[in-house]
């Protein structure tokens, strides 16, 4: 169970990427009062958690309704996560996030960034949704499912802490440390994505 928790935790932590989301959130809410920044951080995390927990419980029935086999979803999800990993290693993902943030900050009025872009697509994006569905689909029984849900809850709690402390974290670590962490997480995610594809191919072709 401990190994399952660690595996699920690392996968979700890498995909959701609290260290990478914190500086983006700090930039988006730089001109907002402290109370507004705090409430938007809480709201963004709660909404993202609801989305991810929803797909954790109802993702499998959705695949059944669409007549998509689990192994096919593993292969597709692995490929998608591998593309995200490449973006992380070469810092393209961070660049796109920053460009989206700059575009939003250039708007005359920024009322609330908790739903878009923070909850979706930054926290509960396609990669996170695919990851939680893959993890839940591989669980055997409710004890393992609860372990995975516990890992998701832990990552969302860390995400909330990162968003609440975004301004102070940026002053403490700076952009260089963030870049190093992002690249390391990207390499790890690439290996996890490759494993998803391998598992999907084994299941599909009986290897």
N, C-alpha and C. Protein backbone atom coordinates (compact mmCIF):
# COMPACT_ATOMS: atom_id res chain seq x y z
N UNK A 1 0.82 -1.21 0.00
CA UNK A 1 0.00 0.00 0.00
C UNK A 1 0.86 1.27 0.00
N UNK A 2 1.98 1.20 0.71
CA UNK A 2 2.86 2.37 0.76
C UNK A 2 3.45 2.64 -0.63
N UNK A 3 3.83 1.56 -1.32
CA UNK A 3 4.38 1.73 -2.67
C UNK A 3 3.33 2.32 -3.61
N UNK A 4 2.09 1.87 -3.49
CA UNK A 4 1.01 2.39 -4.32
C UNK A 4 0.78 3.87 -4.03
N UNK A 5 0.77 4.22 -2.74
CA UNK A 5 0.58 5.63 -2.37
C UNK A 5 1.69 6.49 -2.96
N UNK A 6 2.94 6.04 -2.80
CA UNK A 6 4.06 6.83 -3.31
C UNK A 6 4.00 6.96 -4.82
N UNK A 7 3.67 5.87 -5.51
CA UNK A 7 3.57 5.91 -6.97
C UNK A 7 2.49 6.88 -7.43
N UNK A 8 1.32 6.79 -6.79
CA UNK A 8 0.21 7.69 -7.15
C UNK A 8 0.55 9.13 -6.79
N UNK A 9 1.15 9.32 -5.63
CA UNK A 9 1.50 10.67 -5.18
C UNK A 9 2.49 11.33 -6.13
N UNK A 10 3.54 10.59 -6.50
CA UNK A 10 4.56 11.15 -7.40
C UNK A 10 3.96 11.48 -8.75
N UNK A 11 3.15 10.56 -9.28
CA UNK A 11 2.53 10.79 -10.59
C UNK A 11 1.68 12.05 -10.58
N UNK A 12 0.80 12.18 -9.59
CA UNK A 12 -0.10 13.32 -9.53
C UNK A 12 0.66 14.61 -9.20
N UNK A 13 1.67 14.51 -8.34
CA UNK A 13 2.45 15.70 -8.00
C UNK A 13 3.18 16.24 -9.22
N UNK A 14 3.73 15.33 -10.02
CA UNK A 14 4.46 15.76 -11.22
C UNK A 14 3.51 16.41 -12.22
N UNK A 15 2.34 15.82 -12.41
CA UNK A 15 1.40 16.34 -13.39
C UNK A 15 0.79 17.66 -12.95
N UNK A 16 0.28 17.71 -11.72
CA UNK A 16 -0.36 18.94 -11.23
C UNK A 16 0.68 20.04 -11.03
N UNK A 17 1.88 19.64 -10.58
CA UNK A 17 3.03 20.53 -10.52
C UNK A 17 2.79 21.78 -9.65
N UNK A 18 2.56 21.60 -8.34
CA UNK A 18 2.38 22.77 -7.46
C UNK A 18 3.54 23.77 -7.52
N UNK A 19 4.83 23.34 -7.57
CA UNK A 19 5.90 24.33 -7.65
C UNK A 19 5.85 25.17 -8.93
N UNK A 20 5.34 24.57 -10.02
CA UNK A 20 5.25 25.31 -11.26
C UNK A 20 4.04 26.23 -11.32
N UNK A 21 2.96 25.84 -10.63
CA UNK A 21 1.75 26.66 -10.64
C UNK A 21 1.86 27.86 -9.71
N UNK A 22 2.66 27.73 -8.64
CA UNK A 22 2.76 28.81 -7.64
C UNK A 22 3.22 30.13 -8.24
N UNK A 23 4.32 30.17 -9.02
CA UNK A 23 4.74 31.46 -9.57
C UNK A 23 3.75 32.05 -10.56
N UNK A 24 3.05 31.19 -11.32
CA UNK A 24 2.03 31.68 -12.24
C UNK A 24 0.89 32.34 -11.45
N UNK A 25 0.49 31.68 -10.38
CA UNK A 25 -0.57 32.25 -9.55
C UNK A 25 -0.12 33.56 -8.91
N UNK A 26 1.13 33.60 -8.48
CA UNK A 26 1.65 34.84 -7.89
C UNK A 26 1.59 35.98 -8.89
N UNK A 27 1.91 35.70 -10.15
CA UNK A 27 1.86 36.74 -11.16
C UNK A 27 0.45 37.17 -11.49
N UNK A 28 -0.47 36.21 -11.54
CA UNK A 28 -1.85 36.54 -11.87
C UNK A 28 -2.53 37.37 -10.79
N UNK A 29 -2.12 37.19 -9.55
CA UNK A 29 -2.78 37.86 -8.42
C UNK A 29 -1.89 38.90 -7.76
N UNK A 30 -0.90 39.38 -8.50
CA UNK A 30 0.07 40.31 -7.92
C UNK A 30 -0.60 41.59 -7.41
N UNK A 31 -1.63 42.05 -8.12
CA UNK A 31 -2.28 43.31 -7.75
C UNK A 31 -3.51 43.11 -6.87
N UNK A 32 -3.82 41.90 -6.54
CA UNK A 32 -5.01 41.62 -5.74
C UNK A 32 -4.70 41.75 -4.25
N UNK A 33 -5.69 42.16 -3.45
CA UNK A 33 -5.50 42.21 -2.00
C UNK A 33 -5.23 40.82 -1.43
N UNK A 34 -4.63 40.78 -0.27
CA UNK A 34 -4.25 39.51 0.36
C UNK A 34 -5.46 38.60 0.56
N UNK A 35 -6.57 39.16 1.03
CA UNK A 35 -7.77 38.34 1.26
C UNK A 35 -8.29 37.72 -0.04
N UNK A 36 -8.24 38.49 -1.14
CA UNK A 36 -8.70 37.98 -2.42
C UNK A 36 -7.76 36.88 -2.93
N UNK A 37 -6.46 37.08 -2.73
CA UNK A 37 -5.51 36.04 -3.17
C UNK A 37 -5.76 34.74 -2.41
N UNK A 38 -6.01 34.87 -1.12
CA UNK A 38 -6.24 33.68 -0.30
C UNK A 38 -7.52 32.97 -0.74
N UNK A 39 -8.61 33.72 -0.94
CA UNK A 39 -9.88 33.10 -1.31
C UNK A 39 -9.81 32.48 -2.70
N UNK A 40 -9.11 33.12 -3.63
CA UNK A 40 -8.98 32.55 -4.98
C UNK A 40 -8.15 31.28 -4.96
N UNK A 41 -7.12 31.24 -4.11
CA UNK A 41 -6.30 30.02 -4.00
C UNK A 41 -7.14 28.86 -3.48
N UNK A 42 -7.93 29.13 -2.45
CA UNK A 42 -8.79 28.08 -1.89
C UNK A 42 -9.82 27.63 -2.91
N UNK A 43 -10.45 28.60 -3.58
CA UNK A 43 -11.49 28.26 -4.56
C UNK A 43 -10.92 27.46 -5.73
N UNK A 44 -9.76 27.85 -6.22
CA UNK A 44 -9.14 27.14 -7.35
C UNK A 44 -8.82 25.71 -6.98
N UNK A 45 -8.27 25.51 -5.79
CA UNK A 45 -7.91 24.16 -5.36
C UNK A 45 -9.13 23.29 -5.14
N UNK A 46 -10.17 23.86 -4.53
CA UNK A 46 -11.39 23.08 -4.28
C UNK A 46 -12.05 22.68 -5.58
N UNK A 47 -12.15 23.61 -6.53
CA UNK A 47 -12.79 23.30 -7.82
C UNK A 47 -11.99 22.23 -8.56
N UNK A 48 -10.66 22.37 -8.58
CA UNK A 48 -9.82 21.38 -9.25
C UNK A 48 -9.97 20.01 -8.58
N UNK A 49 -10.04 19.99 -7.26
CA UNK A 49 -10.20 18.73 -6.53
C UNK A 49 -11.53 18.07 -6.87
N UNK A 50 -12.60 18.86 -6.95
CA UNK A 50 -13.91 18.31 -7.30
C UNK A 50 -13.87 17.68 -8.69
N UNK A 51 -13.23 18.36 -9.63
CA UNK A 51 -13.12 17.83 -10.99
C UNK A 51 -12.36 16.51 -11.00
N UNK A 52 -11.21 16.48 -10.33
CA UNK A 52 -10.37 15.28 -10.35
C UNK A 52 -11.01 14.12 -9.59
N UNK A 53 -11.61 14.41 -8.45
CA UNK A 53 -12.31 13.35 -7.72
C UNK A 53 -13.50 12.83 -8.52
N UNK A 54 -14.15 13.73 -9.26
CA UNK A 54 -15.27 13.30 -10.11
C UNK A 54 -14.82 12.32 -11.18
N UNK A 55 -13.70 12.63 -11.84
CA UNK A 55 -13.20 11.72 -12.85
C UNK A 55 -12.64 10.44 -12.22
N UNK A 56 -12.15 10.53 -10.99
CA UNK A 56 -11.68 9.33 -10.31
C UNK A 56 -12.82 8.34 -10.09
N UNK A 57 -14.00 8.85 -9.75
CA UNK A 57 -15.13 7.97 -9.47
C UNK A 57 -15.91 7.57 -10.74
N UNK A 58 -16.02 8.50 -11.68
CA UNK A 58 -16.90 8.27 -12.83
C UNK A 58 -16.15 8.15 -14.15
N UNK A 59 -14.80 8.12 -14.10
CA UNK A 59 -14.03 8.00 -15.34
C UNK A 59 -14.21 6.66 -16.02
N UNK A 60 -14.20 5.58 -15.22
CA UNK A 60 -14.35 4.23 -15.79
C UNK A 60 -15.71 4.04 -16.45
N UNK A 61 -16.82 4.43 -15.80
CA UNK A 61 -18.11 4.32 -16.50
C UNK A 61 -18.17 5.15 -17.78
N UNK A 62 -17.46 6.28 -17.79
CA UNK A 62 -17.43 7.10 -18.99
C UNK A 62 -16.73 6.36 -20.13
N UNK A 63 -15.61 5.69 -19.82
CA UNK A 63 -14.91 4.91 -20.84
C UNK A 63 -15.81 3.78 -21.35
N UNK A 64 -16.53 3.14 -20.44
CA UNK A 64 -17.44 2.05 -20.86
C UNK A 64 -18.53 2.58 -21.77
N UNK A 65 -19.05 3.75 -21.44
CA UNK A 65 -20.12 4.32 -22.26
C UNK A 65 -19.62 4.68 -23.66
N UNK A 66 -18.35 5.05 -23.76
CA UNK A 66 -17.77 5.40 -25.06
C UNK A 66 -17.16 4.19 -25.76
N UNK A 67 -17.24 3.02 -25.13
CA UNK A 67 -16.70 1.77 -25.69
C UNK A 67 -15.19 1.88 -25.93
N UNK A 68 -14.49 2.47 -24.96
CA UNK A 68 -13.04 2.60 -25.03
C UNK A 68 -12.42 1.61 -24.06
N UNK A 69 -11.57 0.73 -24.57
CA UNK A 69 -10.92 -0.25 -23.71
C UNK A 69 -9.87 0.42 -22.83
N UNK A 70 -9.68 -0.15 -21.66
CA UNK A 70 -8.76 0.43 -20.69
C UNK A 70 -7.33 0.47 -21.23
N UNK A 71 -6.91 -0.60 -21.91
CA UNK A 71 -5.55 -0.62 -22.44
C UNK A 71 -5.35 0.45 -23.49
N UNK A 72 -6.36 0.72 -24.30
CA UNK A 72 -6.26 1.79 -25.29
C UNK A 72 -6.12 3.15 -24.59
N UNK A 73 -6.85 3.31 -23.48
CA UNK A 73 -6.74 4.56 -22.74
C UNK A 73 -5.37 4.69 -22.09
N UNK A 74 -4.81 3.56 -21.63
CA UNK A 74 -3.47 3.59 -21.05
C UNK A 74 -2.44 4.07 -22.09
N UNK A 75 -2.54 3.53 -23.31
CA UNK A 75 -1.60 3.91 -24.36
C UNK A 75 -1.75 5.39 -24.71
N UNK A 76 -3.00 5.81 -24.92
CA UNK A 76 -3.25 7.21 -25.27
C UNK A 76 -2.82 8.14 -24.14
N UNK A 77 -3.16 7.77 -22.90
CA UNK A 77 -2.76 8.60 -21.76
C UNK A 77 -1.27 8.66 -21.59
N UNK A 78 -0.58 7.52 -21.80
CA UNK A 78 0.87 7.50 -21.70
C UNK A 78 1.53 8.40 -22.73
N UNK A 79 1.02 8.36 -23.96
CA UNK A 79 1.58 9.22 -25.02
C UNK A 79 1.38 10.69 -24.67
N UNK A 80 0.18 11.02 -24.20
CA UNK A 80 -0.11 12.40 -23.85
C UNK A 80 0.77 12.88 -22.70
N UNK A 81 0.96 12.04 -21.70
CA UNK A 81 1.81 12.41 -20.57
C UNK A 81 3.27 12.54 -21.00
N UNK A 82 3.68 11.72 -21.97
CA UNK A 82 5.06 11.82 -22.46
C UNK A 82 5.28 13.15 -23.17
N UNK A 83 4.29 13.60 -23.92
CA UNK A 83 4.39 14.91 -24.58
C UNK A 83 4.50 16.02 -23.54
N UNK A 84 3.70 15.91 -22.46
CA UNK A 84 3.78 16.90 -21.38
C UNK A 84 5.17 16.86 -20.74
N UNK A 85 5.71 15.66 -20.57
CA UNK A 85 7.04 15.51 -19.97
C UNK A 85 8.10 16.20 -20.82
N UNK A 86 8.02 16.03 -22.14
CA UNK A 86 8.97 16.70 -23.03
C UNK A 86 8.87 18.22 -22.89
N UNK A 87 7.64 18.72 -22.79
CA UNK A 87 7.45 20.16 -22.61
C UNK A 87 8.07 20.64 -21.31
N UNK A 88 7.96 19.81 -20.26
CA UNK A 88 8.54 20.18 -18.97
C UNK A 88 10.06 20.20 -19.02
N UNK A 89 10.63 19.19 -19.67
CA UNK A 89 12.10 19.12 -19.75
C UNK A 89 12.66 20.30 -20.51
N UNK A 90 11.99 20.69 -21.60
CA UNK A 90 12.48 21.79 -22.42
C UNK A 90 11.82 23.12 -22.07
N UNK A 91 11.07 23.13 -20.94
CA UNK A 91 10.47 24.34 -20.36
C UNK A 91 9.43 25.00 -21.27
N UNK A 92 8.88 24.24 -22.21
CA UNK A 92 7.84 24.82 -23.06
C UNK A 92 6.52 24.95 -22.31
N UNK A 93 6.27 24.00 -21.38
CA UNK A 93 5.03 24.06 -20.60
C UNK A 93 5.01 25.30 -19.73
N UNK A 94 6.13 25.59 -19.07
CA UNK A 94 6.22 26.79 -18.25
C UNK A 94 6.07 28.04 -19.09
N UNK A 95 6.66 28.03 -20.28
CA UNK A 95 6.58 29.19 -21.16
C UNK A 95 5.14 29.45 -21.57
N UNK A 96 4.40 28.39 -21.91
CA UNK A 96 3.00 28.58 -22.31
C UNK A 96 2.17 29.08 -21.14
N UNK A 97 2.43 28.56 -19.95
CA UNK A 97 1.71 29.04 -18.77
C UNK A 97 1.97 30.52 -18.54
N UNK A 98 3.23 30.93 -18.68
CA UNK A 98 3.58 32.33 -18.46
C UNK A 98 2.95 33.22 -19.52
N UNK A 99 2.91 32.75 -20.76
CA UNK A 99 2.29 33.54 -21.82
C UNK A 99 0.80 33.71 -21.56
N UNK A 100 0.15 32.61 -21.08
CA UNK A 100 -1.27 32.70 -20.75
C UNK A 100 -1.49 33.68 -19.60
N UNK A 101 -0.59 33.62 -18.63
CA UNK A 101 -0.71 34.53 -17.48
C UNK A 101 -0.50 35.98 -17.90
N UNK A 102 0.49 36.23 -18.77
CA UNK A 102 0.75 37.59 -19.23
C UNK A 102 -0.43 38.13 -20.01
N UNK A 103 -1.06 37.27 -20.81
CA UNK A 103 -2.22 37.70 -21.58
C UNK A 103 -3.36 38.10 -20.66
N UNK A 104 -3.58 37.30 -19.60
CA UNK A 104 -4.64 37.62 -18.66
C UNK A 104 -4.33 38.88 -17.87
N UNK A 105 -3.04 39.06 -17.50
CA UNK A 105 -2.67 40.24 -16.72
C UNK A 105 -2.74 41.52 -17.56
N UNK A 106 -2.69 41.37 -18.90
CA UNK A 106 -2.78 42.54 -19.76
C UNK A 106 -4.21 43.03 -19.91
N UNK A 107 -5.17 42.21 -19.47
CA UNK A 107 -6.56 42.64 -19.53
C UNK A 107 -6.79 43.78 -18.55
N UNK A 108 -7.71 44.70 -18.88
CA UNK A 108 -7.94 45.84 -18.00
C UNK A 108 -8.39 45.44 -16.59
N UNK A 109 -9.21 44.38 -16.48
CA UNK A 109 -9.73 43.97 -15.18
C UNK A 109 -9.58 42.46 -15.06
N UNK A 110 -9.02 42.01 -13.95
CA UNK A 110 -8.96 40.59 -13.66
C UNK A 110 -9.79 40.35 -12.40
N UNK A 111 -10.98 39.84 -12.58
CA UNK A 111 -11.88 39.69 -11.44
C UNK A 111 -11.55 38.45 -10.63
N UNK A 112 -11.44 37.31 -11.31
CA UNK A 112 -11.27 36.06 -10.59
C UNK A 112 -10.56 35.06 -11.50
N UNK A 113 -9.39 34.61 -11.09
CA UNK A 113 -8.62 33.64 -11.89
C UNK A 113 -8.71 32.24 -11.29
N UNK A 114 -9.59 32.06 -10.31
CA UNK A 114 -9.63 30.77 -9.62
C UNK A 114 -10.15 29.65 -10.51
N UNK A 115 -11.17 29.93 -11.34
CA UNK A 115 -11.73 28.90 -12.20
C UNK A 115 -10.88 28.75 -13.46
N UNK A 116 -10.70 29.85 -14.17
CA UNK A 116 -9.82 29.87 -15.34
C UNK A 116 -8.81 30.99 -15.15
N UNK A 117 -7.52 30.68 -15.28
CA UNK A 117 -6.95 29.41 -15.75
C UNK A 117 -6.47 28.48 -14.63
N UNK A 118 -6.68 28.85 -13.34
CA UNK A 118 -6.04 28.07 -12.29
C UNK A 118 -6.66 26.68 -12.12
N UNK A 119 -7.98 26.62 -11.82
CA UNK A 119 -8.60 25.30 -11.62
C UNK A 119 -8.50 24.47 -12.89
N UNK A 120 -8.87 25.08 -14.01
CA UNK A 120 -8.71 24.47 -15.33
C UNK A 120 -8.15 25.53 -16.26
N UNK A 121 -7.09 25.21 -17.01
CA UNK A 121 -6.50 23.88 -17.18
C UNK A 121 -5.22 23.65 -16.38
N UNK A 122 -4.83 24.59 -15.50
CA UNK A 122 -3.52 24.45 -14.86
C UNK A 122 -3.48 23.33 -13.83
N UNK A 123 -4.50 23.24 -12.98
CA UNK A 123 -4.49 22.21 -11.94
C UNK A 123 -5.18 20.94 -12.42
N UNK A 124 -6.41 21.05 -12.86
CA UNK A 124 -7.17 19.89 -13.34
C UNK A 124 -7.17 19.89 -14.86
N UNK A 125 -6.01 19.75 -15.45
CA UNK A 125 -5.89 19.72 -16.90
C UNK A 125 -6.04 18.31 -17.44
N UNK A 126 -5.91 18.15 -18.76
CA UNK A 126 -6.05 16.81 -19.36
C UNK A 126 -5.09 15.79 -18.79
N UNK A 127 -3.85 16.21 -18.51
CA UNK A 127 -2.88 15.28 -17.96
C UNK A 127 -3.27 14.77 -16.59
N UNK A 128 -3.75 15.66 -15.72
CA UNK A 128 -4.17 15.25 -14.38
C UNK A 128 -5.40 14.35 -14.44
N UNK A 129 -6.34 14.68 -15.32
CA UNK A 129 -7.54 13.86 -15.46
C UNK A 129 -7.19 12.47 -15.95
N UNK A 130 -6.32 12.41 -16.97
CA UNK A 130 -5.91 11.10 -17.50
C UNK A 130 -5.17 10.30 -16.44
N UNK A 131 -4.33 10.97 -15.66
CA UNK A 131 -3.53 10.27 -14.65
C UNK A 131 -4.41 9.65 -13.57
N UNK A 132 -5.37 10.41 -13.05
CA UNK A 132 -6.20 9.87 -11.97
C UNK A 132 -7.08 8.75 -12.49
N UNK A 133 -7.53 8.84 -13.75
CA UNK A 133 -8.33 7.76 -14.33
C UNK A 133 -7.49 6.50 -14.51
N UNK A 134 -6.25 6.66 -14.96
CA UNK A 134 -5.37 5.51 -15.14
C UNK A 134 -5.04 4.85 -13.81
N UNK A 135 -4.77 5.67 -12.80
CA UNK A 135 -4.44 5.13 -11.49
C UNK A 135 -5.63 4.37 -10.89
N UNK A 136 -6.81 4.94 -11.00
CA UNK A 136 -8.00 4.30 -10.43
C UNK A 136 -8.36 3.03 -11.19
N UNK A 137 -8.13 3.05 -12.50
CA UNK A 137 -8.46 1.87 -13.30
C UNK A 137 -7.55 0.69 -12.96
N UNK A 138 -6.33 0.98 -12.51
CA UNK A 138 -5.41 -0.09 -12.16
C UNK A 138 -5.54 -0.57 -10.73
N UNK A 139 -6.39 0.08 -9.94
CA UNK A 139 -6.56 -0.31 -8.54
C UNK A 139 -7.39 -1.59 -8.42
N UNK A 140 -7.03 -2.43 -7.47
CA UNK A 140 -7.75 -3.68 -7.23
C UNK A 140 -8.51 -3.57 -5.92
N UNK A 141 -9.77 -3.26 -6.03
CA UNK A 141 -10.61 -3.16 -4.84
C UNK A 141 -10.58 -1.76 -4.23
N UNK A 142 -11.50 -1.54 -3.31
CA UNK A 142 -11.63 -0.22 -2.70
C UNK A 142 -10.47 0.18 -1.79
N UNK A 143 -9.82 -0.77 -1.10
CA UNK A 143 -8.66 -0.35 -0.30
C UNK A 143 -7.60 0.37 -1.14
N UNK A 144 -7.28 -0.16 -2.32
CA UNK A 144 -6.30 0.50 -3.18
C UNK A 144 -6.85 1.81 -3.74
N UNK A 145 -8.14 1.83 -4.05
CA UNK A 145 -8.74 3.08 -4.54
C UNK A 145 -8.65 4.18 -3.49
N UNK A 146 -8.90 3.82 -2.23
CA UNK A 146 -8.81 4.82 -1.17
C UNK A 146 -7.38 5.33 -1.00
N UNK A 147 -6.41 4.45 -1.22
CA UNK A 147 -5.00 4.88 -1.15
C UNK A 147 -4.72 5.91 -2.23
N UNK A 148 -5.20 5.65 -3.44
CA UNK A 148 -4.99 6.58 -4.55
C UNK A 148 -5.71 7.90 -4.29
N UNK A 149 -6.93 7.82 -3.79
CA UNK A 149 -7.67 9.04 -3.46
C UNK A 149 -6.96 9.81 -2.36
N UNK A 150 -6.35 9.09 -1.41
CA UNK A 150 -5.57 9.76 -0.37
C UNK A 150 -4.36 10.48 -0.94
N UNK A 151 -3.72 9.87 -1.93
CA UNK A 151 -2.59 10.52 -2.59
C UNK A 151 -3.04 11.77 -3.32
N UNK A 152 -4.19 11.69 -4.00
CA UNK A 152 -4.74 12.86 -4.68
C UNK A 152 -5.05 13.97 -3.68
N UNK A 153 -5.68 13.61 -2.56
CA UNK A 153 -5.98 14.60 -1.55
C UNK A 153 -4.72 15.26 -0.99
N UNK A 154 -3.65 14.47 -0.81
CA UNK A 154 -2.39 15.01 -0.30
C UNK A 154 -1.78 16.00 -1.28
N UNK A 155 -1.82 15.65 -2.57
CA UNK A 155 -1.26 16.55 -3.59
C UNK A 155 -2.07 17.84 -3.66
N UNK A 156 -3.39 17.74 -3.56
CA UNK A 156 -4.21 18.95 -3.61
C UNK A 156 -3.97 19.83 -2.38
N UNK A 157 -3.72 19.20 -1.23
CA UNK A 157 -3.39 19.97 -0.03
C UNK A 157 -2.07 20.72 -0.21
N UNK A 158 -1.07 20.04 -0.76
CA UNK A 158 0.21 20.69 -1.04
C UNK A 158 0.06 21.80 -2.07
N UNK A 159 -0.84 21.58 -3.04
CA UNK A 159 -1.10 22.61 -4.05
C UNK A 159 -1.69 23.86 -3.40
N UNK A 160 -2.64 23.65 -2.50
CA UNK A 160 -3.23 24.79 -1.79
C UNK A 160 -2.17 25.54 -1.01
N UNK A 161 -1.31 24.81 -0.32
CA UNK A 161 -0.24 25.46 0.46
C UNK A 161 0.68 26.25 -0.47
N UNK A 162 1.01 25.66 -1.63
CA UNK A 162 1.89 26.34 -2.58
C UNK A 162 1.26 27.62 -3.11
N UNK A 163 -0.04 27.59 -3.40
CA UNK A 163 -0.71 28.79 -3.90
C UNK A 163 -0.82 29.86 -2.83
N UNK A 164 -1.11 29.44 -1.60
CA UNK A 164 -1.22 30.41 -0.51
C UNK A 164 0.13 31.08 -0.22
N UNK A 165 1.20 30.33 -0.40
CA UNK A 165 2.54 30.86 -0.12
C UNK A 165 3.29 31.24 -1.39
N UNK A 166 2.55 31.44 -2.50
CA UNK A 166 3.19 31.65 -3.80
C UNK A 166 4.15 32.83 -3.79
N UNK A 167 3.71 33.94 -3.24
CA UNK A 167 4.56 35.13 -3.23
C UNK A 167 5.85 34.91 -2.45
N UNK A 168 5.73 34.32 -1.26
CA UNK A 168 6.91 34.08 -0.44
C UNK A 168 7.82 33.02 -1.06
N UNK A 169 7.22 32.00 -1.71
CA UNK A 169 8.03 30.96 -2.36
C UNK A 169 8.86 31.54 -3.49
N UNK A 170 8.28 32.46 -4.24
CA UNK A 170 9.02 33.07 -5.35
C UNK A 170 10.21 33.86 -4.84
N UNK A 171 10.03 34.57 -3.74
CA UNK A 171 11.15 35.32 -3.16
C UNK A 171 12.22 34.38 -2.62
N UNK A 172 11.79 33.23 -2.09
CA UNK A 172 12.72 32.30 -1.46
C UNK A 172 13.52 31.51 -2.49
N UNK A 173 12.85 30.95 -3.51
CA UNK A 173 13.51 30.05 -4.45
C UNK A 173 13.95 30.75 -5.73
N UNK A 174 13.11 31.61 -6.27
CA UNK A 174 13.45 32.24 -7.54
C UNK A 174 13.15 31.35 -8.73
N UNK A 175 13.36 31.89 -9.93
CA UNK A 175 12.98 31.18 -11.14
C UNK A 175 13.96 30.06 -11.50
N UNK A 176 15.23 30.17 -11.10
CA UNK A 176 16.20 29.14 -11.48
C UNK A 176 15.91 27.82 -10.79
N UNK A 177 15.61 27.88 -9.51
CA UNK A 177 15.29 26.65 -8.77
C UNK A 177 14.03 26.03 -9.33
N UNK A 178 13.05 26.86 -9.66
CA UNK A 178 11.81 26.35 -10.24
C UNK A 178 12.09 25.62 -11.55
N UNK A 179 12.99 26.18 -12.39
CA UNK A 179 13.32 25.55 -13.67
C UNK A 179 13.97 24.19 -13.46
N UNK A 180 14.86 24.09 -12.49
CA UNK A 180 15.53 22.82 -12.21
C UNK A 180 14.52 21.78 -11.75
N UNK A 181 13.63 22.17 -10.83
CA UNK A 181 12.62 21.24 -10.31
C UNK A 181 11.72 20.76 -11.44
N UNK A 182 11.30 21.69 -12.31
CA UNK A 182 10.41 21.34 -13.41
C UNK A 182 11.06 20.32 -14.34
N UNK A 183 12.33 20.50 -14.64
CA UNK A 183 13.01 19.57 -15.55
C UNK A 183 13.19 18.20 -14.92
N UNK A 184 13.52 18.17 -13.64
CA UNK A 184 13.65 16.88 -12.96
C UNK A 184 12.32 16.13 -12.93
N UNK A 185 11.25 16.85 -12.64
CA UNK A 185 9.94 16.23 -12.64
C UNK A 185 9.55 15.76 -14.03
N UNK A 186 9.97 16.49 -15.05
CA UNK A 186 9.67 16.10 -16.42
C UNK A 186 10.32 14.79 -16.80
N UNK A 187 11.59 14.58 -16.39
CA UNK A 187 12.27 13.32 -16.67
C UNK A 187 11.55 12.16 -15.99
N UNK A 188 11.15 12.38 -14.75
CA UNK A 188 10.44 11.34 -14.01
C UNK A 188 9.10 11.03 -14.67
N UNK A 189 8.41 12.05 -15.11
CA UNK A 189 7.11 11.85 -15.75
C UNK A 189 7.27 11.09 -17.06
N UNK A 190 8.35 11.33 -17.80
CA UNK A 190 8.59 10.62 -19.06
C UNK A 190 8.70 9.12 -18.81
N UNK A 191 9.39 8.74 -17.75
CA UNK A 191 9.52 7.32 -17.42
C UNK A 191 8.17 6.72 -17.04
N UNK A 192 7.37 7.45 -16.26
CA UNK A 192 6.05 6.97 -15.88
C UNK A 192 5.15 6.82 -17.10
N UNK A 193 5.23 7.79 -18.02
CA UNK A 193 4.42 7.73 -19.24
C UNK A 193 4.80 6.52 -20.08
N UNK A 194 6.10 6.26 -20.19
CA UNK A 194 6.55 5.10 -20.96
C UNK A 194 6.02 3.81 -20.35
N UNK A 195 5.97 3.74 -19.03
CA UNK A 195 5.44 2.55 -18.36
C UNK A 195 3.96 2.36 -18.66
N UNK A 196 3.19 3.46 -18.72
CA UNK A 196 1.77 3.36 -19.08
C UNK A 196 1.61 2.76 -20.47
N UNK A 197 2.43 3.23 -21.42
CA UNK A 197 2.34 2.72 -22.79
C UNK A 197 2.71 1.24 -22.83
N UNK A 198 3.77 0.86 -22.12
CA UNK A 198 4.20 -0.53 -22.08
C UNK A 198 3.09 -1.43 -21.51
N UNK A 199 2.47 -0.98 -20.42
CA UNK A 199 1.39 -1.76 -19.81
C UNK A 199 0.21 -1.89 -20.77
N UNK A 200 -0.10 -0.80 -21.48
CA UNK A 200 -1.20 -0.84 -22.44
C UNK A 200 -0.93 -1.79 -23.59
N UNK A 201 0.30 -1.79 -24.09
CA UNK A 201 0.66 -2.69 -25.19
C UNK A 201 0.64 -4.15 -24.73
N UNK A 202 1.12 -4.38 -23.52
CA UNK A 202 1.09 -5.75 -22.99
C UNK A 202 -0.34 -6.26 -22.88
N UNK A 203 -1.22 -5.41 -22.38
CA UNK A 203 -2.61 -5.83 -22.23
C UNK A 203 -3.32 -6.02 -23.56
N UNK A 204 -3.00 -5.18 -24.54
CA UNK A 204 -3.67 -5.24 -25.83
C UNK A 204 -3.23 -6.45 -26.65
N UNK A 205 -1.94 -6.76 -26.60
CA UNK A 205 -1.40 -7.81 -27.46
C UNK A 205 -1.00 -9.07 -26.67
N UNK A 206 -1.29 -9.07 -25.37
CA UNK A 206 -0.98 -10.25 -24.57
C UNK A 206 0.49 -10.58 -24.50
N UNK A 207 1.31 -9.54 -24.45
CA UNK A 207 2.77 -9.74 -24.41
C UNK A 207 3.20 -10.18 -23.02
